[in-house]
Amino acid sequence: RGRRRRGRSRSRTRRARAASPTPAGNGSYFGSGDHRVDLDTFINKNMLEARVAAALRTMGMEEQRKVMGTDGGENSFLLLDRVKNPNAVVMSRIRKLEAMR
């Protein structure tokens, strides 16, 4: 009565992000220090298809880090619970980097 209700999706999204564990434990993931481990973890955690994983593996290390978000940039490492299609997101990131070459 007279009170405005906050949208449910907005509040749940914030809680989910705050509660979701990340490998670094601090809300971000800048890598474990072993790039190969990070690459394999990214592919497995996001359940990427073989063709997407192969496209990612053919890139240089710095480009891979940008796609995975381990470079400290804007990209997120864990996609599975945040987007509908992690394969499409990763391929989009790869295409963007290829277009910048």
Protein backbone atom coordinates (compact mmCIF):
# COMPACT_ATOMS: atom_id res chain seq x y z
CA ARG A 1 0.00 0.00 0.00
CA GLY A 2 1.73 3.08 -1.16
CA ARG A 3 5.12 1.35 -1.00
CA ARG A 4 7.00 0.75 -4.18
CA ARG A 5 8.27 -2.74 -4.68
CA ARG A 6 11.71 -3.30 -6.06
CA GLY A 7 11.98 -5.45 -9.17
CA ARG A 8 12.77 -9.02 -8.23
CA SER A 9 15.27 -9.71 -11.00
CA ARG A 10 17.39 -6.74 -9.97
CA SER A 11 17.76 -7.83 -6.36
CA ARG A 12 18.32 -11.49 -7.23
CA THR A 13 21.05 -10.61 -9.71
CA ARG A 14 23.00 -8.67 -7.10
CA ARG A 15 22.66 -11.46 -4.55
CA ALA A 16 23.70 -14.09 -7.07
CA ARG A 17 26.81 -12.15 -8.02
CA ALA A 18 27.78 -11.52 -4.42
CA ALA A 19 27.22 -15.15 -3.46
CA SER A 20 28.81 -16.78 -6.49
CA PRO A 21 32.25 -18.09 -5.65
CA THR A 22 35.13 -17.19 -7.90
CA PRO A 23 38.52 -18.85 -8.05
CA ALA A 24 40.22 -15.75 -6.67
CA GLY A 25 37.57 -15.40 -3.97
CA ASN A 26 37.39 -11.62 -4.32
CA GLY A 27 34.71 -11.17 -6.98
CA SER A 28 37.11 -11.30 -9.92
CA TYR A 29 39.43 -13.76 -11.54
CA PHE A 30 42.79 -12.64 -12.85
CA GLY A 31 44.22 -16.09 -13.32
CA SER A 32 45.98 -18.68 -11.25
CA GLY A 33 49.40 -17.81 -12.62
CA ASP A 34 49.40 -20.85 -14.91
CA HIS A 35 47.88 -19.85 -18.23
CA ARG A 36 47.26 -23.41 -19.43
CA VAL A 37 45.34 -24.22 -16.24
CA ASP A 38 43.31 -21.01 -16.64
CA LEU A 39 42.49 -21.87 -20.25
CA ASP A 40 41.38 -25.41 -19.40
CA THR A 41 39.37 -24.16 -16.42
CA PHE A 42 37.64 -21.53 -18.57
CA ILE A 43 36.71 -24.11 -21.21
CA ASN A 44 35.47 -26.66 -18.65
CA LYS A 45 33.61 -24.30 -16.29
CA ASN A 46 31.75 -22.68 -19.19
CA MET A 47 31.12 -26.03 -20.89
CA LEU A 48 32.36 -24.73 -24.24
CA GLU A 49 31.86 -26.81 -27.37
CA ALA A 50 34.89 -28.36 -29.07
CA ARG A 51 34.78 -25.91 -32.01
CA VAL A 52 34.76 -22.89 -29.66
CA ALA A 53 37.54 -24.36 -27.52
CA ALA A 54 39.60 -25.01 -30.67
CA ALA A 55 39.09 -21.42 -31.88
CA LEU A 56 40.21 -20.14 -28.48
CA ARG A 57 43.26 -22.42 -28.38
CA THR A 58 44.48 -21.17 -31.79
CA MET A 59 44.75 -17.59 -30.49
CA GLY A 60 47.80 -16.04 -28.90
CA MET A 61 48.15 -15.99 -25.12
CA GLU A 62 47.31 -12.28 -24.71
CA GLU A 63 44.20 -12.62 -26.87
CA GLN A 64 43.14 -15.69 -24.91
CA ARG A 65 43.52 -13.74 -21.67
CA LYS A 66 41.29 -10.97 -23.06
CA VAL A 67 38.61 -13.45 -24.11
CA MET A 68 38.72 -15.20 -20.72
CA GLY A 69 38.81 -11.98 -18.70
CA THR A 70 42.04 -12.87 -16.92
CA ASP A 71 43.70 -9.70 -18.24
CA GLY A 72 41.84 -7.54 -15.72
CA GLY A 73 39.53 -6.16 -18.41
CA GLU A 74 35.77 -6.04 -18.61
CA ASN A 75 35.12 -9.66 -19.65
CA SER A 76 33.82 -12.17 -17.13
CA PHE A 77 35.54 -15.52 -16.55
CA LEU A 78 32.47 -17.49 -15.48
CA LEU A 79 29.70 -17.26 -18.06
CA LEU A 80 27.56 -20.33 -17.53
CA ASP A 81 25.15 -18.87 -14.95
CA ARG A 82 25.26 -15.35 -16.39
CA VAL A 83 24.46 -15.79 -20.08
CA LYS A 84 22.16 -18.05 -22.09
CA ASN A 85 24.80 -19.22 -24.55
CA PRO A 86 28.44 -19.12 -23.38
CA ASN A 87 29.58 -20.47 -26.78
CA ALA A 88 28.09 -17.48 -28.58
CA VAL A 89 29.58 -15.03 -26.09
CA VAL A 90 33.07 -16.49 -26.44
CA MET A 91 32.84 -16.58 -30.25
CA SER A 92 31.68 -12.95 -30.21
CA ARG A 93 34.69 -11.99 -28.10
CA ILE A 94 36.99 -13.87 -30.49
CA ARG A 95 35.48 -12.17 -33.56
CA LYS A 96 35.86 -8.74 -31.97
CA LEU A 97 39.54 -9.36 -31.33
CA GLU A 98 40.07 -10.70 -34.84
CA ALA A 99 38.40 -7.60 -36.30
CA MET A 100 40.80 -5.37 -34.36
CA ARG A 101 43.87 -7.04 -35.91
